[in-house]
Amino acid sequence: MHAIAYVCLPCSQARSSLQARKRVSDYLTQEGLDTLLRFSGRCEYFSVGGRWSGRLTLLRLRHEQPQVFERFWKRLRTIETGEEAEALFHKAFPDFRGKLPLNREDVEFEGEPDDAQIMDRPLFDQLQAGFGDDVDVDYSYEIDLPNVICTEDDEDFKWPKTARQAANFWVVVIDYHH
């Protein structure tokens, strides 16, 4: 089963999306997401983005156009092919420009550029409920149940309470398989 986690990284540790994605990947490897260290081998393997590549862009669309997004998301669950999903997306968001945030084939291990973004109000508002200290054992994949950890794991770390504070962090999408 594929699950999704969002990993926060202080902006001071990366100057670009690629650096953030690489640093988070290195961190998860060092902490044993797929072995037996901090996260106790929570998965068989992981990658940045993976089948969830584009999820941060979808969260932005959800924030910008909540009613349109909810209709799209409900209908998407009944779609069987990638082509149908893409057609539905174009119909729901005709003004969207850029790489489609779904049905991404052949995403490399380090994901796509939009799989790491600096947290702002739209992302903070939707991810804050999932802030935690550990990778969720329920293996979340739902858009309403975020599973958010941070590379900062010392005793003094405090999660941001405001979007302004959250803007000091990158958020990186992780696909992990259990």
C-alpha atoms as a PDB file:
ATOM      1  CA  MET A   1       0.000   0.000   0.000  1.00  0.00           C
ATOM      2  CA  HIS A   2       1.328   3.424  -0.953  1.00  0.00           C
ATOM      3  CA  ALA A   3       1.027   6.148   1.679  1.00  0.00           C
ATOM      4  CA  ILE A   4       1.909   9.821   1.764  1.00  0.00           C
ATOM      5  CA  ALA A   5       3.967  11.812   4.215  1.00  0.00           C
ATOM      6  CA  TYR A   6       4.934  15.453   4.137  1.00  0.00           C
ATOM      7  CA  VAL A   7       8.366  16.259   5.544  1.00  0.00           C
ATOM      8  CA  CYS A   8       9.271  19.752   6.679  1.00  0.00           C
ATOM      9  CA  LEU A   9      12.836  21.004   6.363  1.00  0.00           C
ATOM     10  CA  PRO A  10      14.096  24.375   7.633  1.00  0.00           C
ATOM     11  CA  CYS A  11      14.635  26.788   4.737  1.00  0.00           C
ATOM     12  CA  SER A  12      18.133  27.424   6.083  1.00  0.00           C
ATOM     13  CA  GLN A  13      19.070  23.903   4.937  1.00  0.00           C
ATOM     14  CA  ALA A  14      18.101  24.265   1.270  1.00  0.00           C
ATOM     15  CA  ARG A  15      18.053  27.083  -1.263  1.00  0.00           C
ATOM     16  CA  SER A  16      16.057  25.294  -3.967  1.00  0.00           C
ATOM     17  CA  SER A  17      13.409  22.656  -4.446  1.00  0.00           C
ATOM     18  CA  LEU A  18      16.021  20.180  -5.631  1.00  0.00           C
ATOM     19  CA  GLN A  19      18.214  20.759  -2.573  1.00  0.00           C
ATOM     20  CA  ALA A  20      15.196  20.365  -0.279  1.00  0.00           C
ATOM     21  CA  ARG A  21      14.148  17.129  -1.981  1.00  0.00           C
ATOM     22  CA  LYS A  22      17.676  15.715  -1.757  1.00  0.00           C
ATOM     23  CA  ARG A  23      18.131  16.746   1.880  1.00  0.00           C
ATOM     24  CA  VAL A  24      14.821  15.207   2.926  1.00  0.00           C
ATOM     25  CA  SER A  25      15.619  12.012   1.043  1.00  0.00           C
ATOM     26  CA  ASP A  26      19.021  11.820   2.739  1.00  0.00           C
ATOM     27  CA  TYR A  27      17.415  12.516   6.113  1.00  0.00           C
ATOM     28  CA  LEU A  28      14.807   9.763   5.720  1.00  0.00           C
ATOM     29  CA  THR A  29      17.505   7.318   4.656  1.00  0.00           C
ATOM     30  CA  GLN A  30      19.729   8.240   7.617  1.00  0.00           C
ATOM     31  CA  GLU A  31      16.793   7.991  10.037  1.00  0.00           C
ATOM     32  CA  GLY A  32      15.808   4.587   8.710  1.00  0.00           C
ATOM     33  CA  LEU A  33      12.377   5.156   7.171  1.00  0.00           C
ATOM     34  CA  ASP A  34      12.976   1.993   5.170  1.00  0.00           C
ATOM     35  CA  THR A  35      15.260   0.248   7.680  1.00  0.00           C
ATOM     36  CA  LEU A  36      15.331  -0.020  11.483  1.00  0.00           C
ATOM     37  CA  LEU A  37      16.312   3.384  12.892  1.00  0.00           C
ATOM     38  CA  ARG A  38      14.176   6.326  14.081  1.00  0.00           C
ATOM     39  CA  PHE A  39      11.091   5.343  12.133  1.00  0.00           C
ATOM     40  CA  SER A  40      11.499   1.617  12.816  1.00  0.00           C
ATOM     41  CA  GLY A  41      11.367   0.459   9.223  1.00  0.00           C
ATOM     42  CA  ARG A  42       7.956   1.989   8.499  1.00  0.00           C
ATOM     43  CA  CYS A  43       8.208   1.054   4.863  1.00  0.00           C
ATOM     44  CA  GLU A  44       9.843  -1.139   2.275  1.00  0.00           C
ATOM     45  CA  TYR A  45      10.902   1.834   0.183  1.00  0.00           C
ATOM     46  CA  PHE A  46      10.147   5.501  -0.379  1.00  0.00           C
ATOM     47  CA  SER A  47      10.675   8.194  -2.976  1.00  0.00           C
ATOM     48  CA  VAL A  48      10.079  11.902  -3.257  1.00  0.00           C
ATOM     49  CA  GLY A  49       6.765  12.576  -4.968  1.00  0.00           C
ATOM     50  CA  GLY A  50       6.197   9.121  -6.413  1.00  0.00           C
ATOM     51  CA  ARG A  51       2.532   8.379  -7.009  1.00  0.00           C
ATOM     52  CA  TRP A  52       1.737  11.516  -4.947  1.00  0.00           C
ATOM     53  CA  SER A  53       3.829  13.795  -7.151  1.00  0.00           C
ATOM     54  CA  GLY A  54       1.913  17.043  -7.607  1.00  0.00           C
ATOM     55  CA  ARG A  55      -0.020  16.766  -4.318  1.00  0.00           C
ATOM     56  CA  LEU A  56       1.215  20.180  -3.073  1.00  0.00           C
ATOM     57  CA  THR A  57      -0.096  21.761  -6.268  1.00  0.00           C
ATOM     58  CA  LEU A  58      -3.425  19.994  -5.705  1.00  0.00           C
ATOM     59  CA  LEU A  59      -3.527  21.395  -2.160  1.00  0.00           C
ATOM     60  CA  ARG A  60      -3.023  24.872  -3.601  1.00  0.00           C
ATOM     61  CA  LEU A  61      -5.885  24.359  -6.056  1.00  0.00           C
ATOM     62  CA  ARG A  62      -8.026  23.097  -3.193  1.00  0.00           C
ATOM     63  CA  HIS A  63      -7.298  26.306  -1.281  1.00  0.00           C
ATOM     64  CA  GLU A  64      -7.858  28.603  -4.272  1.00  0.00           C
ATOM     65  CA  GLN A  65     -11.036  26.967  -5.605  1.00  0.00           C
ATOM     66  CA  PRO A  66     -12.540  24.870  -2.793  1.00  0.00           C
ATOM     67  CA  GLN A  67     -15.918  24.135  -4.367  1.00  0.00           C
ATOM     68  CA  VAL A  68     -14.516  23.291  -7.785  1.00  0.00           C
ATOM     69  CA  PHE A  69     -11.844  21.149  -6.155  1.00  0.00           C
ATOM     70  CA  GLU A  70     -14.305  19.178  -4.019  1.00  0.00           C
ATOM     71  CA  ARG A  71     -16.431  18.348  -7.079  1.00  0.00           C
ATOM     72  CA  PHE A  72     -13.285  17.365  -8.990  1.00  0.00           C
ATOM     73  CA  TRP A  73     -11.935  15.249  -6.105  1.00  0.00           C
ATOM     74  CA  LYS A  74     -15.223  13.417  -5.612  1.00  0.00           C
ATOM     75  CA  ARG A  75     -15.481  12.620  -9.325  1.00  0.00           C
ATOM     76  CA  LEU A  76     -11.783  11.663  -9.545  1.00  0.00           C
ATOM     77  CA  ARG A  77     -12.412   8.749  -7.194  1.00  0.00           C
ATOM     78  CA  THR A  78     -14.695   7.158  -9.806  1.00  0.00           C
ATOM     79  CA  ILE A  79     -12.211   7.511 -12.670  1.00  0.00           C
ATOM     80  CA  GLU A  80     -10.468   4.378 -13.905  1.00  0.00           C
ATOM     81  CA  THR A  81      -7.799   5.595 -16.323  1.00  0.00           C
ATOM     82  CA  GLY A  82      -5.128   8.257 -16.331  1.00  0.00           C
ATOM     83  CA  GLU A  83      -6.521   9.724 -19.525  1.00  0.00           C
ATOM     84  CA  GLU A  84      -9.952  10.153 -17.922  1.00  0.00           C
ATOM     85  CA  ALA A  85      -8.333  11.782 -14.879  1.00  0.00           C
ATOM     86  CA  GLU A  86      -6.449  14.235 -17.070  1.00  0.00           C
ATOM     87  CA  ALA A  87      -9.602  15.116 -19.030  1.00  0.00           C
ATOM     88  CA  LEU A  88     -11.489  15.661 -15.777  1.00  0.00           C
ATOM     89  CA  PHE A  89      -8.687  17.883 -14.461  1.00  0.00           C
ATOM     90  CA  HIS A  90      -8.668  20.025 -17.628  1.00  0.00           C
ATOM     91  CA  LYS A  91     -12.433  20.405 -17.426  1.00  0.00           C
ATOM     92  CA  ALA A  92     -12.362  21.386 -13.734  1.00  0.00           C
ATOM     93  CA  PHE A  93      -9.332  23.698 -14.000  1.00  0.00           C
ATOM     94  CA  PRO A  94      -9.257  25.003 -17.583  1.00  0.00           C
ATOM     95  CA  ASP A  95      -6.947  27.914 -16.708  1.00  0.00           C
ATOM     96  CA  PHE A  96      -4.281  25.744 -15.058  1.00  0.00           C
ATOM     97  CA  ARG A  97      -0.840  26.114 -16.603  1.00  0.00           C
ATOM     98  CA  GLY A  98       2.102  23.892 -15.923  1.00  0.00           C
ATOM     99  CA  LYS A  99       2.717  20.201 -15.434  1.00  0.00           C
ATOM    100  CA  LEU A 100      -0.454  18.365 -14.444  1.00  0.00           C
ATOM    101  CA  PRO A 101      -0.417  17.525 -10.721  1.00  0.00           C
ATOM    102  CA  LEU A 102      -1.773  14.003 -11.242  1.00  0.00           C
ATOM    103  CA  ASN A 103      -1.217  10.903 -13.314  1.00  0.00           C
ATOM    104  CA  ARG A 104       2.525  11.546 -13.433  1.00  0.00           C
ATOM    105  CA  GLU A 105       4.315   8.605 -14.964  1.00  0.00           C
ATOM    106  CA  ASP A 106       7.975   7.780 -14.479  1.00  0.00           C
ATOM    107  CA  VAL A 107       8.692  10.238 -11.663  1.00  0.00           C
ATOM    108  CA  GLU A 108      12.367   9.974 -10.724  1.00  0.00           C
ATOM    109  CA  PHE A 109      13.405   9.126  -7.135  1.00  0.00           C
ATOM    110  CA  GLU A 110      13.895  12.805  -6.273  1.00  0.00           C
ATOM    111  CA  GLY A 111      10.475  13.803  -7.596  1.00  0.00           C
ATOM    112  CA  GLU A 112       9.446  16.863  -9.543  1.00  0.00           C
ATOM    113  CA  PRO A 113      10.195  20.528  -8.731  1.00  0.00           C
ATOM    114  CA  ASP A 114       6.720  21.120  -7.270  1.00  0.00           C
ATOM    115  CA  ASP A 115       7.150  18.196  -4.841  1.00  0.00           C
ATOM    116  CA  ALA A 116       9.049  20.577  -2.539  1.00  0.00           C
ATOM    117  CA  GLN A 117       7.634  24.022  -1.822  1.00  0.00           C
ATOM    118  CA  ILE A 118       8.066  26.617   0.853  1.00  0.00           C
ATOM    119  CA  MET A 119       5.142  26.394   3.236  1.00  0.00           C
ATOM    120  CA  ASP A 120       2.791  29.337   2.994  1.00  0.00           C
ATOM    121  CA  ARG A 121      -0.757  29.967   4.204  1.00  0.00           C
ATOM    122  CA  PRO A 122      -2.509  27.552   1.773  1.00  0.00           C
ATOM    123  CA  LEU A 123      -0.166  24.705   2.663  1.00  0.00           C
ATOM    124  CA  PHE A 124       0.037  25.564   6.374  1.00  0.00           C
ATOM    125  CA  ASP A 125      -3.750  25.698   6.741  1.00  0.00           C
ATOM    126  CA  GLN A 126      -4.160  22.245   5.178  1.00  0.00           C
ATOM    127  CA  LEU A 127      -1.160  20.502   6.737  1.00  0.00           C
ATOM    128  CA  GLN A 128      -1.136  21.903  10.281  1.00  0.00           C
ATOM    129  CA  ALA A 129      -3.606  19.305  11.578  1.00  0.00           C
ATOM    130  CA  GLY A 130      -1.115  16.579  10.677  1.00  0.00           C
ATOM    131  CA  PHE A 131       1.972  17.997  12.412  1.00  0.00           C
ATOM    132  CA  GLY A 132       3.537  15.204  14.438  1.00  0.00           C
ATOM    133  CA  ASP A 133       6.707  13.555  15.626  1.00  0.00           C
ATOM    134  CA  ASP A 134       6.438  10.232  13.855  1.00  0.00           C
ATOM    135  CA  VAL A 135       5.479   8.723  10.524  1.00  0.00           C
ATOM    136  CA  ASP A 136       1.828   7.702  10.737  1.00  0.00           C
ATOM    137  CA  VAL A 137       1.367   3.989  11.275  1.00  0.00           C
ATOM    138  CA  ASP A 138      -2.009   4.175   9.532  1.00  0.00           C
ATOM    139  CA  TYR A 139      -0.249   4.934   6.259  1.00  0.00           C
ATOM    140  CA  SER A 140      -2.345   7.926   5.271  1.00  0.00           C
ATOM    141  CA  TYR A 141      -3.125   8.647   1.654  1.00  0.00           C
ATOM    142  CA  GLU A 142      -6.259  10.766   2.007  1.00  0.00           C
ATOM    143  CA  ILE A 143      -5.976  14.450   1.199  1.00  0.00           C
ATOM    144  CA  ASP A 144      -7.836  15.319   4.430  1.00  0.00           C
ATOM    145  CA  LEU A 145      -5.520  13.300   6.703  1.00  0.00           C
ATOM    146  CA  PRO A 146      -2.045  14.814   6.383  1.00  0.00           C
ATOM    147  CA  ASN A 147       0.889  13.006   7.948  1.00  0.00           C
ATOM    148  CA  VAL A 148       3.543  15.681   8.573  1.00  0.00           C
ATOM    149  CA  ILE A 149       6.927  15.274  10.226  1.00  0.00           C
ATOM    150  CA  CYS A 150       9.956  17.524  10.476  1.00  0.00           C
ATOM    151  CA  THR A 151      13.644  16.876  10.092  1.00  0.00           C
ATOM    152  CA  GLU A 152      14.120  18.852  13.297  1.00  0.00           C
ATOM    153  CA  ASP A 153      13.703  16.250  16.007  1.00  0.00           C
ATOM    154  CA  ASP A 154      15.500  17.779  18.987  1.00  0.00           C
ATOM    155  CA  GLU A 155      13.677  18.386  22.261  1.00  0.00           C
ATOM    156  CA  ASP A 156      13.464  22.163  21.725  1.00  0.00           C
ATOM    157  CA  PHE A 157      11.693  21.962  18.363  1.00  0.00           C
ATOM    158  CA  LYS A 158       8.226  23.504  18.283  1.00  0.00           C
ATOM    159  CA  TRP A 159       5.903  23.287  15.308  1.00  0.00           C
ATOM    160  CA  PRO A 160       4.987  26.634  13.734  1.00  0.00           C
ATOM    161  CA  LYS A 161       1.779  28.136  15.067  1.00  0.00           C
ATOM    162  CA  THR A 162       1.271  30.638  12.233  1.00  0.00           C
ATOM    163  CA  ALA A 163       1.697  30.705   8.476  1.00  0.00           C
ATOM    164  CA  ARG A 164       4.397  33.329   8.941  1.00  0.00           C
ATOM    165  CA  GLN A 165       6.406  30.939  11.117  1.00  0.00           C
ATOM    166  CA  ALA A 166       5.712  28.082   8.711  1.00  0.00           C
ATOM    167  CA  ALA A 167       7.270  30.089   5.877  1.00  0.00           C
ATOM    168  CA  ASN A 168      10.627  29.116   7.405  1.00  0.00           C
ATOM    169  CA  PHE A 169      10.135  25.543   6.181  1.00  0.00           C
ATOM    170  CA  TRP A 170      10.134  23.626   2.962  1.00  0.00           C
ATOM    171  CA  VAL A 171       7.524  20.890   2.739  1.00  0.00           C
ATOM    172  CA  VAL A 172       8.406  17.818   0.673  1.00  0.00           C
ATOM    173  CA  VAL A 173       5.993  15.105  -0.516  1.00  0.00           C
ATOM    174  CA  ILE A 174       7.073  11.529   0.215  1.00  0.00           C
ATOM    175  CA  ASP A 175       5.557   8.358  -1.234  1.00  0.00           C
ATOM    176  CA  TYR A 176       6.269   5.344   0.945  1.00  0.00           C
ATOM    177  CA  HIS A 177       5.217   1.749   0.451  1.00  0.00           C
ATOM    178  CA  HIS A 178       4.332  -0.716   3.165  1.00  0.00           C
END
